[in-house]
N, C-alpha and C. Protein backbone atom coordinates (compact mmCIF):
# COMPACT_ATOMS: atom_id res chain seq x y z
N MET A 1 241.95 5.74 49.66
CA MET A 1 242.38 6.31 48.39
C MET A 1 241.61 7.59 48.07
N LYS A 2 240.30 7.61 48.37
CA LYS A 2 239.49 8.80 48.10
C LYS A 2 239.95 9.97 48.95
N THR A 3 240.31 9.70 50.19
CA THR A 3 240.79 10.76 51.09
C THR A 3 242.09 11.34 50.56
N ARG A 4 242.94 10.49 50.09
CA ARG A 4 244.23 10.94 49.53
C ARG A 4 244.01 11.84 48.32
N ASN A 5 243.10 11.46 47.43
CA ASN A 5 242.78 12.27 46.25
C ASN A 5 242.17 13.61 46.66
N LEU A 6 241.33 13.60 47.66
CA LEU A 6 240.71 14.83 48.13
C LEU A 6 241.75 15.78 48.72
N ILE A 7 242.65 15.25 49.51
CA ILE A 7 243.71 16.08 50.10
C ILE A 7 244.61 16.65 49.00
N THR A 8 244.96 15.83 48.03
CA THR A 8 245.78 16.29 46.90
C THR A 8 245.07 17.40 46.14
N PHE A 9 243.79 17.22 45.91
CA PHE A 9 243.00 18.22 45.21
C PHE A 9 242.96 19.53 45.99
N LEU A 10 242.75 19.46 47.29
CA LEU A 10 242.69 20.67 48.13
C LEU A 10 244.04 21.40 48.15
N ILE A 11 245.11 20.68 48.24
CA ILE A 11 246.44 21.29 48.23
C ILE A 11 246.69 21.97 46.89
N PHE A 12 246.36 21.28 45.81
CA PHE A 12 246.54 21.85 44.47
C PHE A 12 245.69 23.10 44.28
N SER A 13 244.45 23.06 44.73
CA SER A 13 243.55 24.22 44.61
C SER A 13 244.08 25.41 45.39
N THR A 14 244.55 25.16 46.61
CA THR A 14 245.11 26.23 47.43
C THR A 14 246.33 26.84 46.75
N PHE A 15 247.17 26.01 46.19
CA PHE A 15 248.36 26.49 45.48
C PHE A 15 247.97 27.37 44.29
N CYS A 16 247.01 26.93 43.50
CA CYS A 16 246.56 27.71 42.33
C CYS A 16 245.98 29.05 42.76
N LEU A 17 245.19 29.07 43.81
CA LEU A 17 244.61 30.32 44.29
C LEU A 17 245.68 31.27 44.80
N SER A 18 246.69 30.74 45.45
CA SER A 18 247.75 31.61 45.96
C SER A 18 248.56 32.24 44.83
N LEU A 19 248.68 31.55 43.71
CA LEU A 19 249.39 32.12 42.56
C LEU A 19 248.59 33.22 41.88
N SER A 20 247.28 33.09 41.86
CA SER A 20 246.45 34.06 41.16
C SER A 20 246.10 35.27 42.01
N ALA A 21 246.28 35.22 43.30
CA ALA A 21 245.91 36.33 44.19
C ALA A 21 246.57 37.65 43.84
N PRO A 22 247.87 37.71 43.52
CA PRO A 22 248.49 39.00 43.19
C PRO A 22 247.96 39.63 41.90
N LEU A 23 247.31 38.85 41.07
CA LEU A 23 246.80 39.38 39.80
C LEU A 23 245.53 40.20 39.97
N TYR A 24 244.90 40.08 41.14
CA TYR A 24 243.64 40.76 41.33
C TYR A 24 243.84 42.22 41.64
N ALA A 25 243.12 43.08 40.91
CA ALA A 25 243.22 44.53 41.08
C ALA A 25 242.20 44.98 42.11
N GLN A 26 241.96 46.29 42.15
CA GLN A 26 241.02 46.90 43.08
C GLN A 26 239.63 46.29 42.96
N THR A 27 239.24 45.88 41.78
CA THR A 27 237.91 45.37 41.54
C THR A 27 237.74 43.91 41.87
N GLY A 28 238.84 43.19 42.08
CA GLY A 28 238.73 41.77 42.32
C GLY A 28 238.74 40.98 41.03
N THR A 29 238.99 41.63 39.90
CA THR A 29 239.07 40.94 38.63
C THR A 29 240.51 40.94 38.16
N PRO A 30 240.92 39.89 37.45
CA PRO A 30 242.31 39.88 37.00
C PRO A 30 242.58 40.99 35.99
N LYS A 31 243.72 41.63 36.12
CA LYS A 31 244.11 42.69 35.20
C LYS A 31 244.95 42.08 34.08
N LYS A 32 244.55 42.33 32.86
CA LYS A 32 245.25 41.79 31.71
C LYS A 32 246.29 42.78 31.22
N ALA A 33 247.16 42.31 30.34
CA ALA A 33 248.27 43.13 29.83
C ALA A 33 247.78 44.35 29.05
N ASN A 34 246.65 44.26 28.37
CA ASN A 34 246.17 45.38 27.57
C ASN A 34 245.19 46.27 28.35
N GLU A 35 245.18 46.14 29.67
CA GLU A 35 244.29 46.95 30.49
C GLU A 35 245.09 47.91 31.36
N ALA A 36 244.49 49.03 31.64
CA ALA A 36 245.08 50.03 32.52
C ALA A 36 243.97 50.59 33.39
N GLU A 37 244.37 51.26 34.45
CA GLU A 37 243.40 51.89 35.32
C GLU A 37 243.78 53.34 35.55
N VAL A 38 242.75 54.14 35.76
CA VAL A 38 242.96 55.56 35.98
C VAL A 38 241.91 56.05 36.99
N THR A 39 242.29 57.06 37.76
CA THR A 39 241.36 57.67 38.70
C THR A 39 241.22 59.14 38.34
N PHE A 40 239.98 59.58 38.25
CA PHE A 40 239.69 60.97 37.92
C PHE A 40 239.00 61.65 39.09
N SER A 41 239.31 62.92 39.26
CA SER A 41 238.58 63.77 40.17
C SER A 41 237.47 64.41 39.33
N VAL A 42 236.23 64.24 39.76
CA VAL A 42 235.08 64.69 38.96
C VAL A 42 234.15 65.52 39.83
N ASN A 43 233.57 66.54 39.25
CA ASN A 43 232.67 67.43 40.00
C ASN A 43 231.28 66.81 40.19
N ILE A 44 231.23 65.68 40.90
CA ILE A 44 229.96 65.04 41.23
C ILE A 44 229.69 65.27 42.71
N ASP A 45 228.42 65.46 43.05
CA ASP A 45 228.13 65.73 44.45
C ASP A 45 226.85 65.09 44.97
N CYS A 46 226.18 64.30 44.14
CA CYS A 46 224.95 63.68 44.64
C CYS A 46 224.77 62.29 44.03
N LEU A 47 223.82 61.57 44.56
CA LEU A 47 223.54 60.22 44.10
C LEU A 47 223.05 60.21 42.65
N ASN A 48 222.32 61.25 42.26
CA ASN A 48 221.85 61.32 40.88
C ASN A 48 223.01 61.46 39.89
N CYS A 49 224.05 62.22 40.28
CA CYS A 49 225.25 62.34 39.45
C CYS A 49 225.88 60.96 39.28
N GLN A 50 226.00 60.24 40.38
CA GLN A 50 226.60 58.91 40.36
C GLN A 50 225.80 57.98 39.45
N LYS A 51 224.49 57.98 39.59
CA LYS A 51 223.65 57.11 38.78
C LYS A 51 223.75 57.46 37.30
N LYS A 52 223.83 58.74 36.99
CA LYS A 52 223.95 59.19 35.61
C LYS A 52 225.23 58.65 34.97
N ILE A 53 226.33 58.76 35.71
CA ILE A 53 227.61 58.27 35.20
C ILE A 53 227.60 56.75 35.10
N GLU A 54 227.08 56.08 36.11
CA GLU A 54 227.04 54.61 36.11
C GLU A 54 226.15 54.06 35.00
N SER A 55 225.18 54.83 34.56
CA SER A 55 224.29 54.35 33.51
C SER A 55 224.84 54.60 32.11
N LYS A 56 225.79 55.51 31.95
CA LYS A 56 226.29 55.85 30.61
C LYS A 56 227.74 55.45 30.36
N LEU A 57 228.62 55.65 31.31
CA LEU A 57 230.05 55.43 31.09
C LEU A 57 230.42 53.97 30.81
N PRO A 58 229.76 52.97 31.40
CA PRO A 58 230.13 51.59 31.08
C PRO A 58 229.94 51.22 29.60
N PHE A 59 229.13 51.98 28.88
CA PHE A 59 228.90 51.70 27.47
C PHE A 59 229.92 52.38 26.57
N GLU A 60 230.81 53.15 27.15
CA GLU A 60 231.89 53.78 26.39
C GLU A 60 232.86 52.69 25.94
N LYS A 61 233.31 52.76 24.71
CA LYS A 61 234.18 51.74 24.14
C LYS A 61 235.45 51.58 24.99
N GLY A 62 235.76 50.34 25.37
CA GLY A 62 236.96 50.03 26.11
C GLY A 62 236.83 50.02 27.62
N VAL A 63 235.75 50.54 28.16
CA VAL A 63 235.56 50.57 29.62
C VAL A 63 235.19 49.17 30.09
N LYS A 64 236.01 48.64 31.01
CA LYS A 64 235.79 47.30 31.55
C LYS A 64 235.08 47.35 32.90
N ASP A 65 235.43 48.34 33.72
CA ASP A 65 234.85 48.43 35.06
C ASP A 65 235.02 49.85 35.57
N LEU A 66 234.17 50.26 36.48
CA LEU A 66 234.33 51.56 37.11
C LEU A 66 233.76 51.53 38.51
N LYS A 67 234.36 52.34 39.36
CA LYS A 67 233.91 52.51 40.74
C LYS A 67 233.85 54.00 41.01
N ILE A 68 232.78 54.43 41.65
CA ILE A 68 232.61 55.84 41.96
C ILE A 68 232.62 56.03 43.47
N ASN A 69 233.48 56.94 43.92
CA ASN A 69 233.53 57.30 45.34
C ASN A 69 232.93 58.70 45.44
N LEU A 70 231.68 58.76 45.84
CA LEU A 70 230.95 60.02 45.90
C LEU A 70 231.54 60.97 46.94
N GLU A 71 232.00 60.43 48.07
CA GLU A 71 232.55 61.27 49.13
C GLU A 71 233.83 61.99 48.69
N LYS A 72 234.66 61.28 47.93
CA LYS A 72 235.92 61.87 47.47
C LYS A 72 235.80 62.53 46.10
N HIS A 73 234.64 62.40 45.47
CA HIS A 73 234.40 62.95 44.12
C HIS A 73 235.36 62.32 43.11
N GLU A 74 235.50 60.99 43.18
CA GLU A 74 236.44 60.28 42.32
C GLU A 74 235.77 59.16 41.55
N ILE A 75 236.31 58.91 40.36
CA ILE A 75 235.88 57.78 39.54
C ILE A 75 237.13 56.98 39.19
N TRP A 76 237.12 55.70 39.51
CA TRP A 76 238.19 54.79 39.13
C TRP A 76 237.69 53.98 37.94
N ILE A 77 238.50 53.89 36.88
CA ILE A 77 238.09 53.19 35.67
C ILE A 77 239.17 52.19 35.26
N LEU A 78 238.74 50.98 34.94
CA LEU A 78 239.59 49.97 34.33
C LEU A 78 239.21 49.94 32.86
N TYR A 79 240.19 50.12 31.98
CA TYR A 79 239.88 50.21 30.55
C TYR A 79 240.91 49.48 29.71
N GLN A 80 240.52 49.18 28.48
CA GLN A 80 241.42 48.53 27.53
C GLN A 80 242.20 49.61 26.77
N ILE A 81 243.52 49.54 26.85
CA ILE A 81 244.34 50.59 26.26
C ILE A 81 244.33 50.56 24.73
N ASP A 82 243.95 49.44 24.15
CA ASP A 82 243.89 49.38 22.69
C ASP A 82 242.56 49.89 22.14
N LYS A 83 241.61 50.20 23.02
CA LYS A 83 240.30 50.68 22.56
C LYS A 83 239.97 52.10 22.99
N THR A 84 240.64 52.58 24.02
CA THR A 84 240.38 53.95 24.48
C THR A 84 241.61 54.50 25.18
N SER A 85 241.53 55.73 25.59
CA SER A 85 242.65 56.38 26.28
C SER A 85 242.09 57.26 27.41
N LYS A 86 242.99 57.78 28.22
CA LYS A 86 242.57 58.67 29.30
C LYS A 86 241.88 59.90 28.74
N GLU A 87 242.42 60.42 27.64
CA GLU A 87 241.85 61.62 27.03
C GLU A 87 240.43 61.35 26.51
N LYS A 88 240.22 60.19 25.92
CA LYS A 88 238.88 59.84 25.43
C LYS A 88 237.91 59.65 26.58
N LEU A 89 238.41 59.11 27.69
CA LEU A 89 237.54 58.94 28.86
C LEU A 89 237.15 60.29 29.45
N ILE A 90 238.10 61.23 29.46
CA ILE A 90 237.79 62.59 29.94
C ILE A 90 236.72 63.21 29.05
N GLU A 91 236.84 63.02 27.74
CA GLU A 91 235.84 63.55 26.80
C GLU A 91 234.48 62.90 27.01
N ALA A 92 234.47 61.60 27.27
CA ALA A 92 233.21 60.89 27.52
C ALA A 92 232.53 61.41 28.78
N ILE A 93 233.31 61.67 29.81
CA ILE A 93 232.76 62.23 31.05
C ILE A 93 232.24 63.64 30.80
N LYS A 94 232.96 64.38 29.98
CA LYS A 94 232.53 65.74 29.63
C LYS A 94 231.20 65.72 28.87
N LYS A 95 231.02 64.74 27.98
CA LYS A 95 229.76 64.60 27.23
C LYS A 95 228.58 64.33 28.17
N ILE A 96 228.85 63.63 29.27
CA ILE A 96 227.79 63.34 30.24
C ILE A 96 227.45 64.59 31.04
N GLY A 97 228.39 65.55 31.09
CA GLY A 97 228.10 66.82 31.76
C GLY A 97 228.99 67.14 32.95
N TYR A 98 230.13 66.47 33.05
CA TYR A 98 231.01 66.68 34.21
C TYR A 98 232.44 66.93 33.75
N GLU A 99 233.17 67.67 34.56
CA GLU A 99 234.58 67.94 34.30
C GLU A 99 235.39 66.87 35.04
N ALA A 100 236.40 66.31 34.36
CA ALA A 100 237.24 65.29 34.97
C ALA A 100 238.71 65.69 34.85
N LYS A 101 239.45 65.40 35.92
CA LYS A 101 240.88 65.65 35.93
C LYS A 101 241.55 64.42 36.51
N GLU A 102 242.58 63.92 35.82
CA GLU A 102 243.27 62.72 36.29
C GLU A 102 243.96 62.97 37.62
N ILE A 103 243.82 62.01 38.51
CA ILE A 103 244.53 62.06 39.79
C ILE A 103 245.79 61.23 39.63
N THR A 104 246.92 61.87 39.76
CA THR A 104 248.21 61.20 39.67
C THR A 104 248.85 61.16 41.05
N PRO A 105 249.82 60.29 41.26
CA PRO A 105 250.49 60.26 42.57
C PRO A 105 251.09 61.62 42.93
N GLU A 106 251.56 62.37 41.93
CA GLU A 106 252.13 63.69 42.19
C GLU A 106 251.06 64.66 42.68
N SER A 107 249.86 64.59 42.10
CA SER A 107 248.80 65.51 42.50
C SER A 107 248.25 65.18 43.88
N MET A 108 248.43 63.96 44.33
CA MET A 108 247.93 63.57 45.65
C MET A 108 248.83 64.12 46.76
N THR A 109 250.10 64.38 46.48
CA THR A 109 251.02 64.87 47.49
C THR A 109 250.98 66.39 47.63
N GLN A 110 250.38 67.05 46.68
CA GLN A 110 250.34 68.52 46.71
C GLN A 110 249.17 69.02 47.52
């Protein structure tokens, strides 16, 4: 009987995990309905620039997560749309001392 319960539990767990897998975004965290993501091209070129942004931008209202790609000079941000906007995030990056421009699918093909 214990083996049967264990097998049932494992099958159920696998099923639940397979349903939740598509919900995971780039960060590995589930994306909620009031969240959006944006990628900016930013004039960063060194590890100190990265550390400066990583130490200040997460405290900006609405920012849930961010990833910085130093080689591509890009910042990916997951944010709450009811607390901030792309324009406010650009202003926050500007306050830190960097220029940011949104990377859109159209700008990537040009």
